[in-house]
Amino acid sequence: MQLKDRIFLIWSYGKPQFLVGGVYNLFCTFLLWNGFSYTFFMNAFILKMPLYAITLFLLHQFRDKDRCFFYINLGLSRRKMEIRVLLVDFLTLAILLNTVLLLHG
């Protein structure tokens, strides 16, 4: 499996998490740009964990149960896919907030 295939699978698996996380990331970036507080930088990461937990809970409640077998048949575990989605989402937040701090500071 090539890298572009893995990226596509991560995107297709985590599309709802990326949508919710992207809105949160942009909102935090906007608030940091307007408020510029170093404590907000840490609070954004702390508040991201409960938001992500709520998102995962709702997705597991309403997601099609047979959907996970597609990824299992490809040799990818659901836990690894969730970890990859989480890492991409947190790295996106870190890059956005660091960019604001570098440009605004």
N, C-alpha and C. Protein backbone atom coordinates (compact mmCIF):
# COMPACT_ATOMS: atom_id res chain seq x y z
N MET A 1 0.84 -1.16 0.00
CA MET A 1 0.00 0.00 0.00
C MET A 1 0.90 1.24 0.00
N GLN A 2 0.63 2.15 -0.90
CA GLN A 2 1.44 3.34 -1.03
C GLN A 2 1.00 4.41 -0.03
N LEU A 3 1.81 5.45 0.08
CA LEU A 3 1.54 6.53 1.01
C LEU A 3 0.24 7.26 0.68
N LYS A 4 0.00 7.50 -0.60
CA LYS A 4 -1.22 8.21 -0.98
C LYS A 4 -2.46 7.38 -0.65
N ASP A 5 -2.35 6.06 -0.73
CA ASP A 5 -3.47 5.20 -0.35
C ASP A 5 -3.73 5.28 1.15
N ARG A 6 -2.67 5.30 1.94
CA ARG A 6 -2.83 5.42 3.39
C ARG A 6 -3.43 6.77 3.77
N ILE A 7 -2.98 7.83 3.10
CA ILE A 7 -3.54 9.16 3.38
C ILE A 7 -5.01 9.20 3.03
N PHE A 8 -5.39 8.60 1.90
CA PHE A 8 -6.80 8.56 1.52
C PHE A 8 -7.62 7.76 2.53
N LEU A 9 -7.09 6.64 3.01
CA LEU A 9 -7.82 5.84 3.99
C LEU A 9 -7.97 6.58 5.32
N ILE A 10 -6.92 7.30 5.74
CA ILE A 10 -7.03 8.07 6.97
C ILE A 10 -8.07 9.18 6.79
N TRP A 11 -8.06 9.82 5.63
CA TRP A 11 -9.04 10.88 5.38
C TRP A 11 -10.47 10.31 5.36
N SER A 12 -10.68 9.17 4.69
CA SER A 12 -12.02 8.61 4.61
C SER A 12 -12.49 8.08 5.96
N TYR A 13 -11.58 7.57 6.77
CA TYR A 13 -11.96 7.07 8.09
C TYR A 13 -12.27 8.22 9.05
N GLY A 14 -11.46 9.28 9.02
CA GLY A 14 -11.58 10.33 10.02
C GLY A 14 -12.24 11.60 9.54
N LYS A 15 -13.01 11.53 8.46
CA LYS A 15 -13.63 12.74 7.93
C LYS A 15 -14.50 13.49 8.95
N PRO A 16 -15.33 12.82 9.74
CA PRO A 16 -16.11 13.56 10.75
C PRO A 16 -15.22 14.19 11.84
N GLN A 17 -14.19 13.47 12.27
CA GLN A 17 -13.28 14.02 13.27
C GLN A 17 -12.52 15.22 12.71
N PHE A 18 -12.11 15.11 11.44
CA PHE A 18 -11.40 16.23 10.82
C PHE A 18 -12.30 17.44 10.67
N LEU A 19 -13.58 17.22 10.40
CA LEU A 19 -14.51 18.33 10.26
C LEU A 19 -14.69 19.07 11.59
N VAL A 20 -14.98 18.33 12.64
CA VAL A 20 -15.16 18.94 13.96
C VAL A 20 -13.84 19.53 14.45
N GLY A 21 -12.76 18.80 14.29
CA GLY A 21 -11.45 19.29 14.72
C GLY A 21 -11.00 20.51 13.92
N GLY A 22 -11.31 20.54 12.63
CA GLY A 22 -10.94 21.68 11.80
C GLY A 22 -11.67 22.95 12.21
N VAL A 23 -12.95 22.81 12.52
CA VAL A 23 -13.71 23.98 12.99
C VAL A 23 -13.13 24.48 14.31
N TYR A 24 -12.82 23.57 15.21
CA TYR A 24 -12.22 23.95 16.49
C TYR A 24 -10.84 24.58 16.27
N ASN A 25 -10.04 24.01 15.39
CA ASN A 25 -8.70 24.56 15.13
C ASN A 25 -8.78 25.98 14.58
N LEU A 26 -9.68 26.20 13.63
CA LEU A 26 -9.82 27.54 13.06
C LEU A 26 -10.36 28.53 14.08
N PHE A 27 -11.28 28.08 14.92
CA PHE A 27 -11.82 28.94 15.97
C PHE A 27 -10.72 29.34 16.97
N CYS A 28 -9.92 28.37 17.38
CA CYS A 28 -8.81 28.67 18.30
C CYS A 28 -7.77 29.58 17.66
N THR A 29 -7.50 29.36 16.38
CA THR A 29 -6.56 30.22 15.67
C THR A 29 -7.08 31.65 15.60
N PHE A 30 -8.36 31.81 15.33
CA PHE A 30 -8.96 33.14 15.28
C PHE A 30 -8.90 33.82 16.64
N LEU A 31 -9.23 33.08 17.70
CA LEU A 31 -9.18 33.67 19.04
C LEU A 31 -7.77 34.03 19.46
N LEU A 32 -6.81 33.19 19.12
CA LEU A 32 -5.42 33.49 19.46
C LEU A 32 -4.92 34.69 18.68
N TRP A 33 -5.34 34.82 17.42
CA TRP A 33 -4.92 35.96 16.62
C TRP A 33 -5.47 37.26 17.20
N ASN A 34 -6.69 37.23 17.69
CA ASN A 34 -7.30 38.45 18.23
C ASN A 34 -6.91 38.71 19.68
N GLY A 35 -6.69 37.66 20.47
CA GLY A 35 -6.42 37.85 21.88
C GLY A 35 -4.95 37.77 22.25
N PHE A 36 -4.20 36.95 21.57
CA PHE A 36 -2.77 36.72 21.77
C PHE A 36 -2.42 36.51 23.24
N SER A 37 -2.69 35.34 23.71
CA SER A 37 -2.36 34.97 25.08
C SER A 37 -1.66 33.61 25.05
N TYR A 38 -0.54 33.53 25.75
CA TYR A 38 0.20 32.27 25.79
C TYR A 38 -0.56 31.22 26.60
N THR A 39 -1.37 31.65 27.57
CA THR A 39 -2.15 30.68 28.33
C THR A 39 -3.24 30.07 27.46
N PHE A 40 -3.76 30.83 26.52
CA PHE A 40 -4.76 30.28 25.61
C PHE A 40 -4.17 29.18 24.74
N PHE A 41 -2.89 29.31 24.43
CA PHE A 41 -2.21 28.30 23.63
C PHE A 41 -2.31 26.93 24.30
N MET A 42 -2.06 26.88 25.59
CA MET A 42 -2.14 25.61 26.32
C MET A 42 -3.60 25.19 26.55
N ASN A 43 -4.47 26.15 26.83
CA ASN A 43 -5.87 25.82 27.05
C ASN A 43 -6.53 25.24 25.80
N ALA A 44 -6.07 25.66 24.63
CA ALA A 44 -6.62 25.11 23.39
C ALA A 44 -6.35 23.61 23.29
N PHE A 45 -5.15 23.18 23.70
CA PHE A 45 -4.83 21.76 23.66
C PHE A 45 -5.56 20.99 24.76
N ILE A 46 -5.71 21.61 25.92
CA ILE A 46 -6.42 20.94 27.02
C ILE A 46 -7.89 20.76 26.69
N LEU A 47 -8.52 21.76 26.09
CA LEU A 47 -9.94 21.66 25.76
C LEU A 47 -10.19 20.77 24.54
N LYS A 48 -9.16 20.52 23.77
CA LYS A 48 -9.31 19.67 22.60
C LYS A 48 -9.59 18.21 22.99
N MET A 49 -9.03 17.77 24.11
CA MET A 49 -9.22 16.38 24.53
C MET A 49 -10.69 16.06 24.85
N PRO A 50 -11.40 16.86 25.67
CA PRO A 50 -12.82 16.54 25.89
C PRO A 50 -13.65 16.64 24.61
N LEU A 51 -13.33 17.60 23.76
CA LEU A 51 -14.05 17.72 22.49
C LEU A 51 -13.83 16.48 21.64
N TYR A 52 -12.61 16.00 21.60
CA TYR A 52 -12.31 14.80 20.81
C TYR A 52 -12.99 13.57 21.41
N ALA A 53 -13.03 13.49 22.74
CA ALA A 53 -13.68 12.35 23.39
C ALA A 53 -15.18 12.35 23.11
N ILE A 54 -15.81 13.50 23.15
CA ILE A 54 -17.24 13.59 22.85
C ILE A 54 -17.50 13.24 21.39
N THR A 55 -16.64 13.71 20.50
CA THR A 55 -16.78 13.40 19.08
C THR A 55 -16.66 11.90 18.84
N LEU A 56 -15.67 11.27 19.45
CA LEU A 56 -15.51 9.82 19.28
C LEU A 56 -16.70 9.04 19.84
N PHE A 57 -17.21 9.48 20.99
CA PHE A 57 -18.36 8.80 21.58
C PHE A 57 -19.57 8.88 20.65
N LEU A 58 -19.83 10.08 20.12
CA LEU A 58 -20.98 10.23 19.23
C LEU A 58 -20.78 9.45 17.93
N LEU A 59 -19.57 9.42 17.43
CA LEU A 59 -19.32 8.65 16.21
C LEU A 59 -19.51 7.16 16.42
N HIS A 60 -19.07 6.66 17.56
CA HIS A 60 -19.24 5.23 17.83
C HIS A 60 -20.71 4.87 18.07
N GLN A 61 -21.49 5.83 18.53
CA GLN A 61 -22.91 5.58 18.75
C GLN A 61 -23.69 5.53 17.42
N PHE A 62 -23.32 6.40 16.48
CA PHE A 62 -24.11 6.55 15.27
C PHE A 62 -23.44 6.01 14.01
N ARG A 63 -22.23 5.50 14.10
CA ARG A 63 -21.51 4.99 12.93
C ARG A 63 -22.03 3.60 12.57
N ASP A 64 -22.02 3.32 11.28
CA ASP A 64 -22.42 2.02 10.79
C ASP A 64 -21.46 0.95 11.33
N LYS A 65 -21.99 -0.09 11.91
CA LYS A 65 -21.16 -1.12 12.54
C LYS A 65 -20.36 -1.93 11.53
N ASP A 66 -20.84 -2.05 10.30
CA ASP A 66 -20.13 -2.82 9.29
C ASP A 66 -19.02 -2.03 8.63
N ARG A 67 -18.95 -0.74 8.86
CA ARG A 67 -17.95 0.10 8.21
C ARG A 67 -16.53 -0.26 8.66
N CYS A 68 -16.37 -0.67 9.90
CA CYS A 68 -15.03 -0.95 10.41
C CYS A 68 -14.43 -2.20 9.75
N PHE A 69 -15.27 -3.12 9.22
CA PHE A 69 -14.74 -4.33 8.60
C PHE A 69 -13.99 -4.03 7.31
N PHE A 70 -14.32 -2.91 6.65
CA PHE A 70 -13.59 -2.51 5.46
C PHE A 70 -12.12 -2.27 5.80
N TYR A 71 -11.87 -1.58 6.90
CA TYR A 71 -10.49 -1.29 7.30
C TYR A 71 -9.80 -2.52 7.89
N ILE A 72 -10.55 -3.35 8.58
CA ILE A 72 -9.98 -4.58 9.13
C ILE A 72 -9.54 -5.52 8.00
N ASN A 73 -10.34 -5.59 6.94
CA ASN A 73 -9.98 -6.44 5.79
C ASN A 73 -8.76 -5.92 5.05
N LEU A 74 -8.49 -4.63 5.15
CA LEU A 74 -7.28 -4.07 4.55
C LEU A 74 -6.06 -4.25 5.44
N GLY A 75 -6.25 -4.79 6.62
CA GLY A 75 -5.15 -5.02 7.53
C GLY A 75 -4.88 -3.84 8.46
N LEU A 76 -5.83 -2.93 8.58
CA LEU A 76 -5.67 -1.76 9.44
C LEU A 76 -6.62 -1.89 10.62
N SER A 77 -6.10 -1.71 11.81
CA SER A 77 -6.97 -1.80 12.97
C SER A 77 -7.65 -0.45 13.21
N ARG A 78 -8.80 -0.51 13.83
CA ARG A 78 -9.56 0.70 14.12
C ARG A 78 -8.81 1.60 15.08
N ARG A 79 -8.13 1.01 16.03
CA ARG A 79 -7.37 1.79 17.01
C ARG A 79 -6.22 2.56 16.35
N LYS A 80 -5.52 1.90 15.43
CA LYS A 80 -4.42 2.59 14.73
C LYS A 80 -4.94 3.73 13.88
N MET A 81 -6.08 3.52 13.24
CA MET A 81 -6.66 4.59 12.43
C MET A 81 -7.07 5.78 13.30
N GLU A 82 -7.65 5.50 14.46
CA GLU A 82 -8.05 6.59 15.35
C GLU A 82 -6.83 7.34 15.88
N ILE A 83 -5.76 6.64 16.16
CA ILE A 83 -4.53 7.29 16.63
C ILE A 83 -3.95 8.18 15.53
N ARG A 84 -3.97 7.70 14.30
CA ARG A 84 -3.45 8.52 13.19
C ARG A 84 -4.29 9.76 12.98
N VAL A 85 -5.61 9.62 13.07
CA VAL A 85 -6.49 10.78 12.92
C VAL A 85 -6.23 11.77 14.05
N LEU A 86 -6.07 11.27 15.26
CA LEU A 86 -5.80 12.13 16.41
C LEU A 86 -4.48 12.88 16.24
N LEU A 87 -3.45 12.18 15.78
CA LEU A 87 -2.15 12.82 15.58
C LEU A 87 -2.20 13.90 14.50
N VAL A 88 -2.87 13.62 13.41
CA VAL A 88 -2.99 14.62 12.35
C VAL A 88 -3.76 15.84 12.85
N ASP A 89 -4.82 15.60 13.60
CA ASP A 89 -5.63 16.71 14.11
C ASP A 89 -4.84 17.57 15.10
N PHE A 90 -4.12 16.94 16.01
CA PHE A 90 -3.33 17.71 16.98
C PHE A 90 -2.15 18.42 16.32
N LEU A 91 -1.52 17.78 15.35
CA LEU A 91 -0.42 18.43 14.64
C LEU A 91 -0.92 19.64 13.85
N THR A 92 -2.11 19.54 13.28
CA THR A 92 -2.69 20.68 12.58
C THR A 92 -2.93 21.84 13.53
N LEU A 93 -3.47 21.54 14.72
CA LEU A 93 -3.68 22.60 15.71
C LEU A 93 -2.36 23.21 16.14
N ALA A 94 -1.36 22.39 16.37
CA ALA A 94 -0.05 22.90 16.79
C ALA A 94 0.58 23.78 15.72
N ILE A 95 0.49 23.37 14.47
CA ILE A 95 1.07 24.16 13.39
C ILE A 95 0.34 25.49 13.23
N LEU A 96 -0.99 25.46 13.30
CA LEU A 96 -1.75 26.71 13.17
C LEU A 96 -1.45 27.67 14.31
N LEU A 97 -1.44 27.18 15.53
CA LEU A 97 -1.20 28.06 16.67
C LEU A 97 0.23 28.57 16.70
N ASN A 98 1.18 27.73 16.34
CA ASN A 98 2.57 28.20 16.28
C ASN A 98 2.77 29.22 15.17
N THR A 99 2.08 29.06 14.07
CA THR A 99 2.15 30.04 13.00
C THR A 99 1.62 31.39 13.46
N VAL A 100 0.51 31.37 14.19
CA VAL A 100 -0.05 32.63 14.71
C VAL A 100 0.91 33.26 15.70
N LEU A 101 1.51 32.46 16.56
CA LEU A 101 2.45 33.01 17.53
C LEU A 101 3.68 33.61 16.85
N LEU A 102 4.15 32.97 15.79
CA LEU A 102 5.31 33.50 15.08
C LEU A 102 4.98 34.77 14.30
N LEU A 103 3.82 34.81 13.71
CA LEU A 103 3.43 35.98 12.91
C LEU A 103 2.98 37.15 13.79
N HIS A 104 2.31 36.86 14.85
CA HIS A 104 1.71 37.90 15.69
C HIS A 104 2.64 38.34 16.80
N GLY A 105 3.56 37.51 17.19
CA GLY A 105 4.43 37.80 18.32
C GLY A 105 5.62 38.52 17.87
